Protein backbone atom coordinates (compact mmCIF):
# COMPACT_ATOMS: atom_id res chain seq x y z
CA UNK A 1 119.97 74.65 116.32
CA UNK A 2 121.19 76.14 118.83
CA UNK A 3 121.01 77.68 121.46
CA UNK A 4 120.32 76.83 121.90
CA UNK A 5 121.24 77.71 124.25
CA UNK A 6 121.72 79.69 125.70
CA UNK A 7 121.94 78.83 125.50
CA UNK A 8 121.81 79.32 125.69
CA UNK A 9 123.29 76.20 126.57
CA UNK A 10 123.52 79.11 126.94
CA UNK A 11 123.73 76.94 127.35
CA UNK A 12 122.43 74.05 125.41
CA UNK A 13 123.16 70.80 127.30
CA UNK A 14 120.56 68.08 127.63
CA UNK A 15 120.61 65.82 130.69
CA UNK A 16 123.48 63.35 130.66
CA UNK A 17 121.08 60.46 131.16
CA UNK A 18 117.62 60.30 129.66
CA UNK A 19 115.72 57.43 131.27
CA UNK A 20 113.45 55.51 128.95
CA UNK A 21 110.49 53.99 130.74
CA UNK A 22 107.45 52.11 129.60
CA UNK A 23 109.24 50.65 126.61
CA UNK A 24 107.65 47.21 126.84
CA UNK A 25 110.76 45.75 128.35
CA UNK A 26 113.17 47.83 126.27
CA UNK A 27 116.75 47.55 127.60
CA UNK A 28 118.36 50.53 129.27
CA UNK A 29 121.26 50.47 126.82
CA UNK A 30 118.95 51.94 124.17
CA UNK A 31 119.46 55.33 125.81
CA UNK A 32 121.29 57.60 123.38
CA UNK A 33 123.12 59.98 125.71
CA UNK A 34 125.52 62.78 124.85
CA UNK A 35 128.36 60.37 125.64
CA UNK A 36 127.00 58.11 122.92
CA UNK A 37 127.17 60.83 120.29
CA UNK A 38 130.20 61.31 118.00
CA UNK A 39 133.38 62.79 119.45
CA UNK A 40 132.91 65.67 116.98
CA UNK A 41 129.79 66.62 118.94
CA UNK A 42 131.67 66.81 122.22
CA UNK A 43 134.44 68.85 120.61
CA UNK A 44 131.97 71.32 119.12
CA UNK A 45 130.03 71.45 122.37
CA UNK A 46 133.19 72.18 124.37
CA UNK A 47 134.20 74.92 121.93
CA UNK A 48 130.77 76.51 122.21
CA UNK A 49 130.71 76.40 126.01
CA UNK A 50 134.20 77.90 126.21
CA UNK A 51 133.23 80.68 123.79
CA UNK A 52 130.06 81.42 125.71
CA UNK A 53 131.90 81.52 129.02
CA UNK A 54 134.51 83.93 127.67
CA UNK A 55 131.88 86.15 126.05
CA UNK A 56 129.73 86.42 129.16
CA UNK A 57 132.66 86.88 131.57
CA UNK A 58 134.46 89.59 129.59
CA UNK A 59 131.22 91.38 128.67
CA UNK A 60 130.19 91.44 132.33
CA UNK A 61 133.60 92.84 133.26
CA UNK A 62 133.34 95.59 130.63
CA UNK A 63 129.86 96.64 131.75
CA UNK A 64 130.92 96.56 135.41
CA UNK A 65 133.84 98.88 134.73
CA UNK A 66 131.61 101.29 132.82
CA UNK A 67 129.08 101.37 135.64
CA UNK A 68 131.84 101.81 138.22
CA UNK A 69 133.23 104.74 136.25
CA UNK A 70 129.83 106.39 136.11
CA UNK A 71 129.15 105.84 139.81
CA UNK A 72 132.53 107.16 140.93
CA UNK A 73 132.43 110.05 138.48
CA UNK A 74 129.66 111.64 140.52
CA UNK A 75 131.65 111.49 143.75
CA UNK A 76 133.59 114.62 144.69
CA UNK A 77 136.60 113.62 146.85
CA UNK A 78 139.04 116.51 147.01
CA UNK A 79 142.48 115.80 148.44
CA UNK A 80 144.74 118.36 150.04
CA UNK A 81 146.83 118.82 146.91
CA UNK A 82 143.77 119.65 144.80
CA UNK A 83 143.46 116.16 143.33
CA UNK A 84 139.90 114.89 142.78
CA UNK A 85 140.20 111.25 143.90
CA UNK A 86 136.70 110.35 142.67
CA UNK A 87 137.42 111.57 139.15
CA UNK A 88 140.77 109.78 139.15
CA UNK A 89 139.28 106.43 140.17
CA UNK A 90 136.43 106.90 137.70
CA UNK A 91 138.93 107.54 134.92
CA UNK A 92 140.87 104.40 135.87
CA UNK A 93 137.65 102.36 135.79
CA UNK A 94 136.74 103.69 132.35
CA UNK A 95 140.27 103.02 131.13
CA UNK A 96 140.06 99.49 132.48
CA UNK A 97 136.85 98.91 130.52
CA UNK A 98 138.87 99.16 127.32
CA UNK A 99 140.77 95.95 128.10
CA UNK A 100 137.77 93.55 127.92
CA UNK A 101 136.38 95.50 124.95
CA UNK A 102 139.62 95.08 123.03
CA UNK A 103 139.90 91.42 124.05
CA UNK A 104 136.38 90.66 122.84
CA UNK A 105 137.11 92.39 119.53
CA UNK A 106 140.43 90.62 119.01
CA UNK A 107 139.43 87.11 120.13
CA UNK A 108 135.78 87.19 119.07
CA UNK A 109 134.71 84.33 121.37
CA UNK A 110 131.11 84.82 120.23
CA UNK A 111 132.00 83.18 116.94
CA UNK A 112 133.14 80.00 118.66
CA UNK A 113 130.03 80.15 120.85
CA UNK A 114 127.54 80.51 118.00
CA UNK A 115 129.22 78.39 115.36
CA UNK A 116 130.19 75.66 117.80
CA UNK A 117 126.62 75.42 119.07
CA UNK A 118 125.27 75.24 115.54
CA UNK A 119 127.69 72.42 114.73
CA UNK A 120 126.95 70.52 117.94
CA UNK A 121 123.20 70.61 117.41
CA UNK A 122 123.55 69.65 113.75
CA UNK A 123 125.64 66.66 114.79
CA UNK A 124 123.09 65.70 117.44
CA UNK A 125 120.35 65.83 114.83
CA UNK A 126 122.30 63.70 112.35
CA UNK A 127 123.14 61.15 115.04
CA UNK A 128 119.54 60.72 116.13
CA UNK A 129 118.30 60.47 112.56
CA UNK A 130 120.87 57.79 111.82
CA UNK A 131 120.15 55.89 115.05
CA UNK A 132 116.37 55.69 114.50
CA UNK A 133 116.56 55.19 110.71
CA UNK A 134 115.03 58.51 109.71
CA UNK A 135 115.46 59.94 106.23
CA UNK A 136 117.98 60.05 104.59
CA UNK A 137 119.49 57.14 106.58
CA UNK A 138 116.99 54.45 105.61
CA UNK A 139 119.12 52.42 103.23
CA UNK A 140 121.69 49.72 103.89
CA UNK A 141 124.10 50.02 106.79
CA UNK A 142 126.96 50.81 104.43
CA UNK A 143 125.04 53.49 102.55
CA UNK A 144 123.66 55.07 105.73
CA UNK A 145 127.08 55.15 107.37
CA UNK A 146 128.67 56.68 104.29
CA UNK A 147 125.98 59.37 104.10
CA UNK A 148 126.35 60.18 107.81
CA UNK A 149 130.13 60.56 107.56
CA UNK A 150 129.78 62.76 104.49
CA UNK A 151 127.33 65.05 106.27
CA UNK A 152 129.58 65.23 109.32
CA UNK A 153 132.57 66.08 107.16
CA UNK A 154 130.56 68.86 105.54
CA UNK A 155 129.84 70.37 108.96
CA UNK A 156 133.51 70.18 109.84
CA UNK A 157 134.53 71.95 106.63
CA UNK A 158 131.96 74.71 107.02
CA UNK A 159 132.95 75.46 110.61
CA UNK A 160 136.68 74.83 110.51
CA UNK A 161 137.38 78.34 111.76
CA UNK A 162 135.89 77.54 115.18
CA UNK A 163 139.15 75.81 116.04
CA UNK A 164 137.94 72.80 117.98
CA UNK A 165 140.02 69.67 118.50
CA UNK A 166 138.71 66.50 116.87
CA UNK A 167 139.62 63.45 118.91
CA UNK A 168 138.61 60.83 116.35
CA UNK A 169 137.43 60.44 112.80
CA UNK A 170 136.01 58.07 110.22
CA UNK A 171 133.91 55.13 111.38
CA UNK A 172 134.83 55.80 115.00
CA UNK A 173 132.40 58.73 114.90
CA UNK A 174 129.51 56.26 114.60
CA UNK A 175 129.29 55.06 118.20
CA UNK A 176 128.16 51.70 119.52
CA UNK A 177 125.08 53.33 121.09
CA UNK A 178 124.04 54.74 117.74
CA UNK A 179 124.50 51.38 116.00
CA UNK A 180 122.73 49.54 118.80
CA UNK A 181 119.65 51.75 118.69
CA UNK A 182 119.59 51.54 114.90
CA UNK A 183 119.49 47.74 115.08
CA UNK A 184 116.33 47.66 117.23
CA UNK A 185 112.78 46.92 116.03
CA UNK A 186 110.70 49.88 114.89
CA UNK A 187 108.53 50.07 118.01
CA UNK A 188 111.52 50.30 120.33
CA UNK A 189 113.16 52.94 118.13
CA UNK A 190 109.93 54.95 118.17
CA UNK A 191 109.66 54.85 121.95
CA UNK A 192 113.33 55.63 122.43
CA UNK A 193 113.10 58.64 120.10
CA UNK A 194 109.91 60.06 121.58
CA UNK A 195 111.08 59.76 125.18
CA UNK A 196 114.80 60.22 124.76
CA UNK A 197 114.68 63.00 122.17
CA UNK A 198 111.33 64.79 121.94
CA UNK A 199 110.46 64.68 125.65
CA UNK A 200 113.99 65.80 126.61
CA UNK A 201 113.86 68.67 124.12
CA UNK A 202 110.39 69.71 125.29
CA UNK A 203 111.50 69.76 128.92
CA UNK A 204 114.58 71.83 128.04
CA UNK A 205 112.71 74.37 125.92
CA UNK A 206 109.87 74.90 128.41
CA UNK A 207 112.31 75.29 131.29
CA UNK A 208 114.48 77.77 129.40
CA UNK A 209 111.46 79.75 128.18
CA UNK A 210 110.25 80.20 131.77
CA UNK A 211 113.74 81.14 132.98
CA UNK A 212 114.34 83.68 130.21
CA UNK A 213 110.93 85.27 130.75
CA UNK A 214 111.71 85.68 134.43
CA UNK A 215 115.19 87.10 133.75
CA UNK A 216 113.85 89.55 131.16
CA UNK A 217 111.40 90.93 133.71
CA UNK A 218 114.11 91.27 136.37
CA UNK A 219 116.52 93.18 134.14
CA UNK A 220 113.72 95.38 132.82
CA UNK A 221 112.79 96.15 136.43
CA UNK A 222 116.43 96.97 137.22
CA UNK A 223 116.61 99.42 134.31
CA UNK A 224 113.32 101.03 135.34
CA UNK A 225 114.38 101.40 138.97
CA UNK A 226 117.76 102.87 137.98
CA UNK A 227 116.08 105.38 135.68
CA UNK A 228 113.56 106.36 138.35
CA UNK A 229 116.26 106.85 140.97
CA UNK A 230 118.30 108.90 138.51
CA UNK A 231 115.33 111.17 137.82
CA UNK A 232 114.65 111.59 141.51
CA UNK A 233 118.30 112.36 142.18
CA UNK A 234 118.37 114.86 139.35
CA UNK A 235 115.42 116.82 140.73
CA UNK A 236 116.86 116.75 144.24
CA UNK A 237 120.17 118.06 142.94
CA UNK A 238 118.43 120.76 140.92
CA UNK A 239 116.87 122.14 144.10
CA UNK A 240 120.08 121.87 146.10
CA UNK A 241 118.90 118.97 148.25
CA UNK A 242 121.55 116.52 147.03
CA UNK A 243 125.19 117.01 146.18
CA UNK A 244 125.72 113.72 144.32
CA UNK A 245 125.24 113.76 140.54
CA UNK A 246 123.24 110.58 140.08
CA UNK A 247 121.94 111.18 136.57
CA UNK A 248 125.04 109.82 134.87
CA UNK A 249 125.23 106.89 137.27
CA UNK A 250 121.58 105.95 136.76
CA UNK A 251 121.89 106.27 133.00
CA UNK A 252 124.94 104.00 132.98
CA UNK A 253 123.19 101.36 135.10
CA UNK A 254 120.08 101.42 132.93
CA UNK A 255 122.19 101.21 129.77
CA UNK A 256 124.19 98.31 131.22
CA UNK A 257 121.00 96.43 132.13
CA UNK A 258 119.68 96.96 128.61
CA UNK A 259 122.96 95.87 127.03
CA UNK A 260 123.05 92.73 129.16
CA UNK A 261 119.48 91.87 128.18
CA UNK A 262 120.37 92.29 124.53
CA UNK A 263 123.48 90.14 124.91
CA UNK A 264 121.49 87.34 126.50
CA UNK A 265 118.42 87.98 124.27
CA UNK A 266 116.02 86.92 127.01
CA UNK A 267 112.75 88.03 125.45
CA UNK A 268 113.32 86.81 121.86
CA UNK A 269 114.58 83.45 123.11
CA UNK A 270 111.70 83.03 125.57
CA UNK A 271 109.18 83.59 122.78
CA UNK A 272 111.03 81.35 120.31
CA UNK A 273 111.50 78.54 122.85
CA UNK A 274 107.83 78.62 123.86
CA UNK A 275 106.85 78.28 120.20
CA UNK A 276 109.30 75.41 119.66
CA UNK A 277 108.00 73.58 122.75
CA UNK A 278 104.45 73.84 121.41
CA UNK A 279 105.59 72.56 118.03
CA UNK A 280 107.32 69.61 119.69
CA UNK A 281 104.07 68.64 121.38
CA UNK A 282 102.33 68.57 118.00
CA UNK A 283 105.18 66.54 116.49
CA UNK A 284 105.05 64.05 119.35
CA UNK A 285 101.28 63.65 119.04
CA UNK A 286 101.69 62.87 115.36
CA UNK A 287 104.46 60.31 115.91
CA UNK A 288 102.54 58.51 118.65
CA UNK A 289 99.69 57.77 116.25
CA UNK A 290 101.88 56.21 113.57
CA UNK A 291 101.36 52.61 112.56
CA UNK A 292 104.26 50.16 112.28
CA UNK A 293 105.32 51.51 108.93
CA UNK A 294 109.06 52.06 108.40
CA UNK A 295 108.58 54.34 105.40
CA UNK A 296 106.11 56.61 107.15
CA UNK A 297 108.21 56.59 110.32
CA UNK A 298 111.40 57.60 108.53
CA UNK A 299 109.65 60.52 106.85
CA UNK A 300 107.80 61.80 109.93
CA UNK A 301 110.83 61.44 112.16
CA UNK A 302 112.91 63.43 109.69
CA UNK A 303 110.24 66.14 109.76
CA UNK A 304 110.44 66.17 113.56
CA UNK A 305 114.17 66.77 113.41
CA UNK A 306 113.63 69.56 110.91
CA UNK A 307 111.37 71.26 113.46
CA UNK A 308 114.13 71.07 116.06
CA UNK A 309 116.82 72.14 113.60
CA UNK A 310 114.75 75.12 112.52
CA UNK A 311 115.12 76.64 115.99
CA UNK A 312 118.88 76.01 115.92
CA UNK A 313 119.14 77.84 112.60
CA UNK A 314 117.01 80.74 113.78
CA UNK A 315 119.06 80.99 116.99
CA UNK A 316 122.29 81.24 115.03
CA UNK A 317 120.79 83.83 112.68
CA UNK A 318 119.60 85.96 115.59
CA UNK A 319 122.97 85.76 117.28
CA UNK A 320 125.05 86.61 114.23
CA UNK A 321 122.72 89.48 113.34
CA UNK A 322 122.93 90.94 116.85
């Protein structure tokens, strides 16, 4: 997916432990946590988190310098030698804004953020499908393992430019937790998947949708307030009631708030995550009514993962198109 994930994980990190209850005596070691996923997942996840952190930090610094330049540019501080201190400091702030802009262009941490998240979520999907015997991992252990490693290698080849460090390879990527869950009876695999995968995803998506909706409103309010204050200041200055030129400052603040909202994509993600959460509820309802049929389970479970993966793909497309 991806990221969600920010995922806007962005962050896109599920809880470290997903407790499985009501599993008719199912052992706690059926929990498939992030630590039980392949090392490739953790490498991709780390690359994505680092890229996101760099992107957000340097973008915030750039916008802060631009706003500071606009604010100080309206201040008239004349020194004895005729130097306008306000204009000088404003110029320094604007000049400083070039450093994060150039760094973001040269390093392009967004690529590691987006591509790493896409890889991590693809690996999570493959791991769950393998562990619960969903299509196409329904055959023998040897065939399923070979198919999983091939798919993982394909992800690695497609996203080699992200530059993550792979700690292991080959059969070591198929963890004991994945093999253990795969060896369980159908009913236990069904319960583990519904509670450890679908319920965890639903909780994450609904929480993020609410958070992003709230943040979108706050930043929209900030832009509106800045614009209103700028208009008020402009009229006051026009009639000689205010010496400070607040129009440029207000415009810069409103533009920065808008740019930040676009960077974080609060509104599109809130809408997309709400839709995905609703779709997960429908998927869960369908899986809970299944009979003890391995063939039907493998097909329906694979469809459930496609629903989750669809959001990852759309997230990456939105990010790369932004």
